[in-house]
């Protein structure tokens, strides 16, 4: 998903979609090799930051990679589930919820 955002930003900045896709594919394969062959962390984003090809959007990368842009409606869905499903299910046990329990494994 992040790479698609990067491609779209590059196209908006005047880049060619196919060339951009190929540049990301090459960098992705290089990063995958580091992970698979050397057991290192995935460094794809660092490779994109170092690539002169992506220089037109280097200043946008932090915003493009902001995690909140990838979670959609999850926070509101969780809140709704807690309010509508979990809290009503716990109501019959309200007098027991303030007890301290321990579990030894």
PDB file of N, CA and C in Angstrom:
ATOM      1  N   UNK A   1       0.816  -1.184   0.000  1.00  0.00           N
ATOM      2  CA  UNK A   1       0.000   0.000   0.000  1.00  0.00           C
ATOM      3  C   UNK A   1       0.865   1.255   0.000  1.00  0.00           C
ATOM      4  N   UNK A   2       1.937   1.226   0.775  1.00  0.00           N
ATOM      5  CA  UNK A   2       2.790   2.413   0.839  1.00  0.00           C
ATOM      6  C   UNK A   2       3.443   2.671  -0.509  1.00  0.00           C
ATOM      7  N   UNK A   3       3.863   1.616  -1.166  1.00  0.00           N
ATOM      8  CA  UNK A   3       4.525   1.826  -2.461  1.00  0.00           C
ATOM      9  C   UNK A   3       3.547   2.375  -3.486  1.00  0.00           C
ATOM     10  N   UNK A   4       2.299   2.011  -3.389  1.00  0.00           N
ATOM     11  CA  UNK A   4       1.302   2.571  -4.318  1.00  0.00           C
ATOM     12  C   UNK A   4       1.141   4.069  -4.089  1.00  0.00           C
ATOM     13  N   UNK A   5       1.152   4.487  -2.819  1.00  0.00           N
ATOM     14  CA  UNK A   5       1.091   5.919  -2.525  1.00  0.00           C
ATOM     15  C   UNK A   5       2.306   6.643  -3.081  1.00  0.00           C
ATOM     16  N   UNK A   6       3.453   6.011  -3.005  1.00  0.00           N
ATOM     17  CA  UNK A   6       4.682   6.607  -3.534  1.00  0.00           C
ATOM     18  C   UNK A   6       4.589   6.736  -5.049  1.00  0.00           C
ATOM     19  N   UNK A   7       4.107   5.700  -5.705  1.00  0.00           N
ATOM     20  CA  UNK A   7       3.944   5.753  -7.163  1.00  0.00           C
ATOM     21  C   UNK A   7       2.993   6.881  -7.554  1.00  0.00           C
ATOM     22  N   UNK A   8       1.861   6.980  -6.857  1.00  0.00           N
ATOM     23  CA  UNK A   8       0.896   8.034  -7.187  1.00  0.00           C
ATOM     24  C   UNK A   8       1.495   9.423  -6.981  1.00  0.00           C
ATOM     25  N   UNK A   9       2.276   9.593  -5.919  1.00  0.00           N
ATOM     26  CA  UNK A   9       2.912  10.895  -5.671  1.00  0.00           C
ATOM     27  C   UNK A   9       3.923  11.210  -6.764  1.00  0.00           C
ATOM     28  N   UNK A  10       4.656  10.206  -7.196  1.00  0.00           N
ATOM     29  CA  UNK A  10       5.631  10.417  -8.266  1.00  0.00           C
ATOM     30  C   UNK A  10       4.933  10.811  -9.568  1.00  0.00           C
ATOM     31  N   UNK A  11       3.831  10.173  -9.874  1.00  0.00           N
ATOM     32  CA  UNK A  11       3.086  10.504 -11.093  1.00  0.00           C
ATOM     33  C   UNK A  11       2.578  11.941 -11.009  1.00  0.00           C
ATOM     34  N   UNK A  12       2.061  12.338  -9.844  1.00  0.00           N
ATOM     35  CA  UNK A  12       1.608  13.722  -9.664  1.00  0.00           C
ATOM     36  C   UNK A  12       2.753  14.713  -9.848  1.00  0.00           C
ATOM     37  N   UNK A  13       3.971  14.259  -9.501  1.00  0.00           N
ATOM     38  CA  UNK A  13       5.139  15.130  -9.634  1.00  0.00           C
ATOM     39  C   UNK A  13       5.730  15.081 -11.046  1.00  0.00           C
ATOM     40  N   UNK A  14       5.043  14.359 -11.946  1.00  0.00           N
ATOM     41  CA  UNK A  14       5.483  14.324 -13.337  1.00  0.00           C
ATOM     42  C   UNK A  14       6.208  13.060 -13.747  1.00  0.00           C
ATOM     43  N   UNK A  15       6.309  12.095 -12.851  1.00  0.00           N
ATOM     44  CA  UNK A  15       6.987  10.842 -13.167  1.00  0.00           C
ATOM     45  C   UNK A  15       6.138   9.925 -14.034  1.00  0.00           C
ATOM     46  N   UNK A  16       6.800   8.981 -14.662  1.00  0.00           N
ATOM     47  CA  UNK A  16       6.141   7.974 -15.489  1.00  0.00           C
ATOM     48  C   UNK A  16       5.772   6.789 -14.607  1.00  0.00           C
ATOM     49  N   UNK A  17       4.509   6.410 -14.629  1.00  0.00           N
ATOM     50  CA  UNK A  17       4.030   5.337 -13.745  1.00  0.00           C
ATOM     51  C   UNK A  17       4.793   4.034 -13.952  1.00  0.00           C
ATOM     52  N   UNK A  18       5.015   3.647 -15.181  1.00  0.00           N
ATOM     53  CA  UNK A  18       5.708   2.377 -15.453  1.00  0.00           C
ATOM     54  C   UNK A  18       7.158   2.425 -14.978  1.00  0.00           C
ATOM     55  N   UNK A  19       7.826   3.555 -15.232  1.00  0.00           N
ATOM     56  CA  UNK A  19       9.220   3.682 -14.785  1.00  0.00           C
ATOM     57  C   UNK A  19       9.300   3.671 -13.260  1.00  0.00           C
ATOM     58  N   UNK A  20       8.364   4.334 -12.640  1.00  0.00           N
ATOM     59  CA  UNK A  20       8.321   4.381 -11.182  1.00  0.00           C
ATOM     60  C   UNK A  20       8.065   2.986 -10.608  1.00  0.00           C
ATOM     61  N   UNK A  21       7.131   2.287 -11.197  1.00  0.00           N
ATOM     62  CA  UNK A  21       6.827   0.930 -10.755  1.00  0.00           C
ATOM     63  C   UNK A  21       8.065   0.043 -10.872  1.00  0.00           C
ATOM     64  N   UNK A  22       8.778   0.173 -11.970  1.00  0.00           N
ATOM     65  CA  UNK A  22       9.990  -0.623 -12.174  1.00  0.00           C
ATOM     66  C   UNK A  22      11.064  -0.246 -11.153  1.00  0.00           C
ATOM     67  N   UNK A  23      11.221   1.039 -10.876  1.00  0.00           N
ATOM     68  CA  UNK A  23      12.209   1.466  -9.886  1.00  0.00           C
ATOM     69  C   UNK A  23      11.883   0.886  -8.509  1.00  0.00           C
ATOM     70  N   UNK A  24      10.616   0.897  -8.144  1.00  0.00           N
ATOM     71  CA  UNK A  24      10.211   0.318  -6.856  1.00  0.00           C
ATOM     72  C   UNK A  24      10.404  -1.191  -6.867  1.00  0.00           C
ATOM     73  N   UNK A  25      10.103  -1.834  -7.980  1.00  0.00           N
ATOM     74  CA  UNK A  25      10.285  -3.293  -8.076  1.00  0.00           C
ATOM     75  C   UNK A  25      11.748  -3.661  -7.852  1.00  0.00           C
ATOM     76  N   UNK A  26      12.646  -2.938  -8.493  1.00  0.00           N
ATOM     77  CA  UNK A  26      14.080  -3.220  -8.347  1.00  0.00           C
ATOM     78  C   UNK A  26      14.525  -3.009  -6.897  1.00  0.00           C
ATOM     79  N   UNK A  27      14.137  -1.874  -6.315  1.00  0.00           N
ATOM     80  CA  UNK A  27      14.505  -1.596  -4.923  1.00  0.00           C
ATOM     81  C   UNK A  27      13.879  -2.617  -3.970  1.00  0.00           C
ATOM     82  N   UNK A  28      12.671  -3.046  -4.266  1.00  0.00           N
ATOM     83  CA  UNK A  28      11.995  -4.055  -3.441  1.00  0.00           C
ATOM     84  C   UNK A  28      12.741  -5.374  -3.477  1.00  0.00           C
ATOM     85  N   UNK A  29      13.185  -5.761  -4.645  1.00  0.00           N
ATOM     86  CA  UNK A  29      13.938  -7.017  -4.762  1.00  0.00           C
ATOM     87  C   UNK A  29      15.268  -6.928  -4.023  1.00  0.00           C
ATOM     88  N   UNK A  30      15.920  -5.776  -4.114  1.00  0.00           N
ATOM     89  CA  UNK A  30      17.169  -5.588  -3.376  1.00  0.00           C
ATOM     90  C   UNK A  30      16.922  -5.680  -1.870  1.00  0.00           C
ATOM     91  N   UNK A  31      15.876  -5.026  -1.409  1.00  0.00           N
ATOM     92  CA  UNK A  31      15.546  -5.053   0.019  1.00  0.00           C
ATOM     93  C   UNK A  31      15.171  -6.462   0.461  1.00  0.00           C
ATOM     94  N   UNK A  32      14.442  -7.186  -0.378  1.00  0.00           N
ATOM     95  CA  UNK A  32      14.053  -8.565  -0.052  1.00  0.00           C
ATOM     96  C   UNK A  32      15.286  -9.451   0.057  1.00  0.00           C
ATOM     97  N   UNK A  33      16.255  -9.236  -0.795  1.00  0.00           N
ATOM     98  CA  UNK A  33      17.479 -10.033  -0.744  1.00  0.00           C
ATOM     99  C   UNK A  33      18.216  -9.806   0.575  1.00  0.00           C
ATOM    100  N   UNK A  34      18.237  -8.563   1.043  1.00  0.00           N
ATOM    101  CA  UNK A  34      18.885  -8.254   2.319  1.00  0.00           C
ATOM    102  C   UNK A  34      18.180  -9.001   3.450  1.00  0.00           C
ATOM    103  N   UNK A  35      16.863  -9.035   3.398  1.00  0.00           N
ATOM    104  CA  UNK A  35      16.085  -9.725   4.433  1.00  0.00           C
ATOM    105  C   UNK A  35      16.333 -11.231   4.371  1.00  0.00           C
ATOM    106  N   UNK A  36      16.202 -11.802   3.177  1.00  0.00           N
ATOM    107  CA  UNK A  36      16.287 -13.259   3.017  1.00  0.00           C
ATOM    108  C   UNK A  36      17.703 -13.801   3.148  1.00  0.00           C
ATOM    109  N   UNK A  37      18.674 -13.092   2.583  1.00  0.00           N
ATOM    110  CA  UNK A  37      20.034 -13.619   2.533  1.00  0.00           C
ATOM    111  C   UNK A  37      20.901 -13.200   3.711  1.00  0.00           C
ATOM    112  N   UNK A  38      20.591 -12.053   4.296  1.00  0.00           N
ATOM    113  CA  UNK A  38      21.420 -11.551   5.384  1.00  0.00           C
ATOM    114  C   UNK A  38      20.684 -11.487   6.714  1.00  0.00           C
ATOM    115  N   UNK A  39      19.388 -11.734   6.689  1.00  0.00           N
ATOM    116  CA  UNK A  39      18.604 -11.698   7.918  1.00  0.00           C
ATOM    117  C   UNK A  39      18.457 -10.303   8.503  1.00  0.00           C
ATOM    118  N   UNK A  40      18.637  -9.286   7.673  1.00  0.00           N
ATOM    119  CA  UNK A  40      18.538  -7.903   8.134  1.00  0.00           C
ATOM    120  C   UNK A  40      17.102  -7.400   8.006  1.00  0.00           C
ATOM    121  N   UNK A  41      16.865  -6.205   8.535  1.00  0.00           N
ATOM    122  CA  UNK A  41      15.550  -5.585   8.430  1.00  0.00           C
ATOM    123  C   UNK A  41      15.283  -5.140   6.995  1.00  0.00           C
ATOM    124  N   UNK A  42      14.011  -5.050   6.659  1.00  0.00           N
ATOM    125  CA  UNK A  42      13.609  -4.543   5.346  1.00  0.00           C
ATOM    126  C   UNK A  42      13.951  -3.052   5.287  1.00  0.00           C
ATOM    127  N   UNK A  43      14.783  -2.698   4.322  1.00  0.00           N
ATOM    128  CA  UNK A  43      15.233  -1.317   4.216  1.00  0.00           C
ATOM    129  C   UNK A  43      14.711  -0.615   2.954  1.00  0.00           C
ATOM    130  N   UNK A  44      13.565  -1.066   2.479  1.00  0.00           N
ATOM    131  CA  UNK A  44      13.022  -0.504   1.240  1.00  0.00           C
ATOM    132  C   UNK A  44      12.833   1.002   1.328  1.00  0.00           C
ATOM    133  N   UNK A  45      12.272   1.483   2.408  1.00  0.00           N
ATOM    134  CA  UNK A  45      12.017   2.922   2.500  1.00  0.00           C
ATOM    135  C   UNK A  45      13.324   3.711   2.538  1.00  0.00           C
ATOM    136  N   UNK A  46      14.342   3.178   3.189  1.00  0.00           N
ATOM    137  CA  UNK A  46      15.641   3.854   3.183  1.00  0.00           C
ATOM    138  C   UNK A  46      16.214   3.888   1.763  1.00  0.00           C
ATOM    139  N   UNK A  47      16.036   2.822   1.019  1.00  0.00           N
ATOM    140  CA  UNK A  47      16.507   2.776  -0.367  1.00  0.00           C
ATOM    141  C   UNK A  47      15.780   3.825  -1.214  1.00  0.00           C
ATOM    142  N   UNK A  48      14.490   3.955  -1.002  1.00  0.00           N
ATOM    143  CA  UNK A  48      13.718   4.963  -1.738  1.00  0.00           C
ATOM    144  C   UNK A  48      14.204   6.360  -1.355  1.00  0.00           C
ATOM    145  N   UNK A  49      14.472   6.575  -0.068  1.00  0.00           N
ATOM    146  CA  UNK A  49      14.966   7.883   0.388  1.00  0.00           C
ATOM    147  C   UNK A  49      16.334   8.216  -0.222  1.00  0.00           C
ATOM    148  N   UNK A  50      17.161   7.201  -0.443  1.00  0.00           N
ATOM    149  CA  UNK A  50      18.496   7.433  -1.018  1.00  0.00           C
ATOM    150  C   UNK A  50      18.483   7.521  -2.536  1.00  0.00           C
ATOM    151  N   UNK A  51      17.422   7.087  -3.154  1.00  0.00           N
ATOM    152  CA  UNK A  51      17.360   7.043  -4.617  1.00  0.00           C
ATOM    153  C   UNK A  51      17.123   8.437  -5.201  1.00  0.00           C
ATOM    154  N   UNK A  52      17.982   8.827  -6.114  1.00  0.00           N
ATOM    155  CA  UNK A  52      17.795  10.130  -6.762  1.00  0.00           C
ATOM    156  C   UNK A  52      16.547  10.124  -7.644  1.00  0.00           C
ATOM    157  N   UNK A  53      16.131   8.954  -8.115  1.00  0.00           N
ATOM    158  CA  UNK A  53      14.925   8.874  -8.942  1.00  0.00           C
ATOM    159  C   UNK A  53      13.723   9.430  -8.179  1.00  0.00           C
ATOM    160  N   UNK A  54      13.656   9.143  -6.888  1.00  0.00           N
ATOM    161  CA  UNK A  54      12.511   9.557  -6.073  1.00  0.00           C
ATOM    162  C   UNK A  54      12.703  10.932  -5.426  1.00  0.00           C
ATOM    163  N   UNK A  55      13.756  11.649  -5.803  1.00  0.00           N
ATOM    164  CA  UNK A  55      14.018  12.953  -5.196  1.00  0.00           C
ATOM    165  C   UNK A  55      12.856  13.944  -5.317  1.00  0.00           C
ATOM    166  N   UNK A  56      12.034  13.887  -6.381  1.00  0.00           N
ATOM    167  CA  UNK A  56      10.916  14.839  -6.438  1.00  0.00           C
ATOM    168  C   UNK A  56       9.920  14.706  -5.273  1.00  0.00           C
ATOM    169  N   UNK A  57       9.906  13.556  -4.620  1.00  0.00           N
ATOM    170  CA  UNK A  57       8.935  13.376  -3.528  1.00  0.00           C
ATOM    171  C   UNK A  57       9.603  13.071  -2.191  1.00  0.00           C
ATOM    172  N   UNK A  58      10.916  13.185  -2.115  1.00  0.00           N
ATOM    173  CA  UNK A  58      11.589  12.904  -0.842  1.00  0.00           C
ATOM    174  C   UNK A  58      10.963  13.687   0.306  1.00  0.00           C
ATOM    175  N   UNK A  59      10.594  14.921   0.076  1.00  0.00           N
ATOM    176  CA  UNK A  59       9.983  15.740   1.120  1.00  0.00           C
ATOM    177  C   UNK A  59       8.589  15.300   1.535  1.00  0.00           C
ATOM    178  N   UNK A  60       7.963  14.457   0.725  1.00  0.00           N
ATOM    179  CA  UNK A  60       6.600  13.981   1.023  1.00  0.00           C
ATOM    180  C   UNK A  60       6.585  12.599   1.672  1.00  0.00           C
ATOM    181  N   UNK A  61       7.723  11.920   1.715  1.00  0.00           N
ATOM    182  CA  UNK A  61       7.733  10.520   2.147  1.00  0.00           C
ATOM    183  C   UNK A  61       7.182  10.309   3.551  1.00  0.00           C
ATOM    184  N   UNK A  62       7.547  11.166   4.495  1.00  0.00           N
ATOM    185  CA  UNK A  62       7.026  10.985   5.860  1.00  0.00           C
ATOM    186  C   UNK A  62       5.502  11.024   5.871  1.00  0.00           C
ATOM    187  N   UNK A  63       4.925  11.959   5.159  1.00  0.00           N
ATOM    188  CA  UNK A  63       3.460  12.055   5.109  1.00  0.00           C
ATOM    189  C   UNK A  63       2.856  10.856   4.372  1.00  0.00           C
ATOM    190  N   UNK A  64       3.497  10.420   3.299  1.00  0.00           N
ATOM    191  CA  UNK A  64       2.993   9.281   2.531  1.00  0.00           C
ATOM    192  C   UNK A  64       3.039   7.983   3.336  1.00  0.00           C
ATOM    193  N   UNK A  65       3.965   7.914   4.281  1.00  0.00           N
ATOM    194  CA  UNK A  65       4.155   6.694   5.077  1.00  0.00           C
ATOM    195  C   UNK A  65       3.502   6.770   6.450  1.00  0.00           C
ATOM    196  N   UNK A  66       2.787   7.846   6.728  1.00  0.00           N
ATOM    197  CA  UNK A  66       2.119   8.019   8.019  1.00  0.00           C
ATOM    198  C   UNK A  66       1.173   6.839   8.259  1.00  0.00           C
ATOM    199  N   UNK A  67       1.384   6.069   9.341  1.00  0.00           N
ATOM    200  CA  UNK A  67       0.564   4.870   9.593  1.00  0.00           C
ATOM    201  C   UNK A  67      -0.939   5.122   9.620  1.00  0.00           C
ATOM    202  N   UNK A  68      -1.359   6.289  10.088  1.00  0.00           N
ATOM    203  CA  UNK A  68      -2.798   6.559  10.176  1.00  0.00           C
ATOM    204  C   UNK A  68      -3.461   6.551   8.799  1.00  0.00           C
ATOM    205  N   UNK A  69      -2.670   6.710   7.752  1.00  0.00           N
ATOM    206  CA  UNK A  69      -3.222   6.666   6.406  1.00  0.00           C
ATOM    207  C   UNK A  69      -3.520   5.267   5.909  1.00  0.00           C
ATOM    208  N   UNK A  70      -3.182   4.257   6.713  1.00  0.00           N
ATOM    209  CA  UNK A  70      -3.349   2.874   6.278  1.00  0.00           C
ATOM    210  C   UNK A  70      -4.338   2.077   7.123  1.00  0.00           C
ATOM    211  N   UNK A  71      -4.941   2.720   8.129  1.00  0.00           N
ATOM    212  CA  UNK A  71      -5.816   1.959   9.022  1.00  0.00           C
ATOM    213  C   UNK A  71      -7.301   2.190   8.772  1.00  0.00           C
ATOM    214  N   UNK A  72      -7.600   3.106   7.892  1.00  0.00           N
ATOM    215  CA  UNK A  72      -8.994   3.321   7.515  1.00  0.00           C
ATOM    216  C   UNK A  72      -9.902   3.599   8.694  1.00  0.00           C
ATOM    217  N   UNK A  73     -11.013   2.871   8.730  1.00  0.00           N
ATOM    218  CA  UNK A  73     -12.031   3.090   9.759  1.00  0.00           C
ATOM    219  C   UNK A  73     -11.827   2.225  10.995  1.00  0.00           C
ATOM    220  N   UNK A  74     -10.691   1.528  11.086  1.00  0.00           N
ATOM    221  CA  UNK A  74     -10.474   0.594  12.189  1.00  0.00           C
ATOM    222  C   UNK A  74     -10.714   1.211  13.571  1.00  0.00           C
ATOM    223  N   UNK A  75     -10.197   2.391  13.885  1.00  0.00           N
ATOM    224  CA  UNK A  75     -10.448   2.932  15.232  1.00  0.00           C
ATOM    225  C   UNK A  75     -11.932   3.114  15.550  1.00  0.00           C
ATOM    226  N   UNK A  76     -12.686   3.654  14.606  1.00  0.00           N
ATOM    227  CA  UNK A  76     -14.116   3.860  14.881  1.00  0.00           C
ATOM    228  C   UNK A  76     -14.864   2.527  14.917  1.00  0.00           C
ATOM    229  N   UNK A  77     -14.425   1.555  14.128  1.00  0.00           N
ATOM    230  CA  UNK A  77     -15.059   0.243  14.147  1.00  0.00           C
ATOM    231  C   UNK A  77     -14.815  -0.464  15.479  1.00  0.00           C
ATOM    232  N   UNK A  78     -13.617  -0.345  16.018  1.00  0.00           N
ATOM    233  CA  UNK A  78     -13.305  -0.955  17.313  1.00  0.00           C
ATOM    234  C   UNK A  78     -14.126  -0.297  18.408  1.00  0.00           C
ATOM    235  N   UNK A  79     -14.192   1.024  18.387  1.00  0.00           N
ATOM    236  CA  UNK A  79     -14.983   1.736  19.387  1.00  0.00           C
ATOM    237  C   UNK A  79     -16.446   1.306  19.325  1.00  0.00           C
ATOM    238  N   UNK A  80     -16.991   1.242  18.124  1.00  0.00           N
ATOM    239  CA  UNK A  80     -18.382   0.824  17.957  1.00  0.00           C
ATOM    240  C   UNK A  80     -18.594  -0.605  18.475  1.00  0.00           C
ATOM    241  N   UNK A  81     -17.671  -1.504  18.183  1.00  0.00           N
ATOM    242  CA  UNK A  81     -17.771  -2.890  18.645  1.00  0.00           C
ATOM    243  C   UNK A  81     -17.736  -2.956  20.170  1.00  0.00           C
ATOM    244  N   UNK A  82     -16.839  -2.186  20.773  1.00  0.00           N
ATOM    245  CA  UNK A  82     -16.760  -2.181  22.238  1.00  0.00           C
ATOM    246  C   UNK A  82     -18.057  -1.677  22.866  1.00  0.00           C
ATOM    247  N   UNK A  83     -18.592  -0.603  22.315  1.00  0.00           N
ATOM    248  CA  UNK A  83     -19.811  -0.002  22.867  1.00  0.00           C
ATOM    249  C   UNK A  83     -21.029  -0.894  22.634  1.00  0.00           C
ATOM    250  N   UNK A  84     -21.164  -1.427  21.426  1.00  0.00           N
ATOM    251  CA  UNK A  84     -22.383  -2.159  21.074  1.00  0.00           C
ATOM    252  C   UNK A  84     -22.345  -3.644  21.416  1.00  0.00           C
ATOM    253  N   UNK A  85     -21.177  -4.233  21.498  1.00  0.00           N
ATOM    254  CA  UNK A  85     -21.095  -5.678  21.711  1.00  0.00           C
ATOM    255  C   UNK A  85     -20.449  -6.057  23.050  1.00  0.00           C
ATOM    256  N   UNK A  86     -19.265  -5.532  23.299  1.00  0.00           N
ATOM    257  CA  UNK A  86     -18.511  -5.963  24.480  1.00  0.00           C
ATOM    258  C   UNK A  86     -19.133  -5.443  25.764  1.00  0.00           C
ATOM    259  N   UNK A  87     -19.365  -4.139  25.851  1.00  0.00           N
ATOM    260  CA  UNK A  87     -19.902  -3.582  27.091  1.00  0.00           C
ATOM    261  C   UNK A  87     -21.244  -4.205  27.480  1.00  0.00           C
ATOM    262  N   UNK A  88     -22.194  -4.371  26.553  1.00  0.00           N
ATOM    263  CA  UNK A  88     -23.443  -5.039  26.930  1.00  0.00           C
ATOM    264  C   UNK A  88     -23.225  -6.487  27.387  1.00  0.00           C
ATOM    265  N   UNK A  89     -22.274  -7.163  26.793  1.00  0.00           N
ATOM    266  CA  UNK A  89     -21.991  -8.551  27.180  1.00  0.00           C
ATOM    267  C   UNK A  89     -21.388  -8.635  28.577  1.00  0.00           C
ATOM    268  N   UNK A  90     -20.671  -7.605  28.987  1.00  0.00           N
ATOM    269  CA  UNK A  90     -20.042  -7.600  30.302  1.00  0.00           C
ATOM    270  C   UNK A  90     -20.974  -7.126  31.411  1.00  0.00           C
ATOM    271  N   UNK A  91     -22.057  -6.473  31.043  1.00  0.00           N
ATOM    272  CA  UNK A  91     -22.964  -5.881  32.034  1.00  0.00           C
ATOM    273  C   UNK A  91     -23.433  -6.884  33.100  1.00  0.00           C
ATOM    274  N   UNK A  92     -23.811  -8.111  32.742  1.00  0.00           N
ATOM    275  CA  UNK A  92     -24.247  -9.062  33.775  1.00  0.00           C
ATOM    276  C   UNK A  92     -23.150  -9.408  34.784  1.00  0.00           C
ATOM    277  N   UNK A  93     -21.910  -9.146  34.431  1.00  0.00           N
ATOM    278  CA  UNK A  93     -20.782  -9.501  35.300  1.00  0.00           C
ATOM    279  C   UNK A  93     -20.138  -8.269  35.939  1.00  0.00           C
ATOM    280  N   UNK A  94     -20.821  -7.147  35.893  1.00  0.00           N
ATOM    281  CA  UNK A  94     -20.261  -5.887  36.374  1.00  0.00           C
ATOM    282  C   UNK A  94     -19.778  -5.965  37.817  1.00  0.00           C
ATOM    283  N   UNK A  95     -20.512  -6.683  38.665  1.00  0.00           N
ATOM    284  CA  UNK A  95     -20.116  -6.760  40.072  1.00  0.00           C
ATOM    285  C   UNK A  95     -18.876  -7.629  40.280  1.00  0.00           C
ATOM    286  N   UNK A  96     -18.471  -8.385  39.280  1.00  0.00           N
ATOM    287  CA  UNK A  96     -17.290  -9.237  39.395  1.00  0.00           C
ATOM    288  C   UNK A  96     -16.055  -8.638  38.700  1.00  0.00           C
ATOM    289  N   UNK A  97     -16.254  -7.600  37.925  1.00  0.00           N
ATOM    290  CA  UNK A  97     -15.157  -7.059  37.128  1.00  0.00           C
ATOM    291  C   UNK A  97     -14.130  -6.285  37.941  1.00  0.00           C
ATOM    292  N   UNK A  98     -14.490  -5.888  39.160  1.00  0.00           N
ATOM    293  CA  UNK A  98     -13.528  -5.146  39.959  1.00  0.00           C
ATOM    294  C   UNK A  98     -12.647  -6.055  40.803  1.00  0.00           C
ATOM    295  N   UNK A  99     -12.839  -7.348  40.719  1.00  0.00           N
ATOM    296  CA  UNK A  99     -12.004  -8.301  41.449  1.00  0.00           C
ATOM    297  C   UNK A  99     -10.653  -8.445  40.747  1.00  0.00           C
ATOM    298  N   UNK A 100      -9.646  -8.710  41.543  1.00  0.00           N
ATOM    299  CA  UNK A 100      -8.318  -8.963  40.986  1.00  0.00           C
ATOM    300  C   UNK A 100      -8.170 -10.465  40.800  1.00  0.00           C
ATOM    301  N   UNK A 101      -7.798 -10.842  39.631  1.00  0.00           N
ATOM    302  CA  UNK A 101      -7.608 -12.259  39.330  1.00  0.00           C
ATOM    303  C   UNK A 101      -6.160 -12.499  38.963  1.00  0.00           C
ATOM    304  N   UNK A 102      -5.712 -13.689  39.270  1.00  0.00           N
ATOM    305  CA  UNK A 102      -4.368 -14.069  38.889  1.00  0.00           C
ATOM    306  C   UNK A 102      -4.424 -15.392  38.155  1.00  0.00           C
ATOM    307  N   UNK A 103      -3.554 -15.516  37.203  1.00  0.00           N
ATOM    308  CA  UNK A 103      -3.477 -16.753  36.438  1.00  0.00           C
ATOM    309  C   UNK A 103      -2.027 -17.185  36.415  1.00  0.00           C
ATOM    310  N   UNK A 104      -1.776 -18.354  36.946  1.00  0.00           N
ATOM    311  CA  UNK A 104      -0.420 -18.901  36.934  1.00  0.00           C
ATOM    312  C   UNK A 104      -0.356 -20.006  35.907  1.00  0.00           C
ATOM    313  N   UNK A 105       0.591 -19.873  35.036  1.00  0.00           N
ATOM    314  CA  UNK A 105       0.769 -20.898  34.000  1.00  0.00           C
ATOM    315  C   UNK A 105       1.964 -21.759  34.297  1.00  0.00           C
TER     316      UNK A 105
END
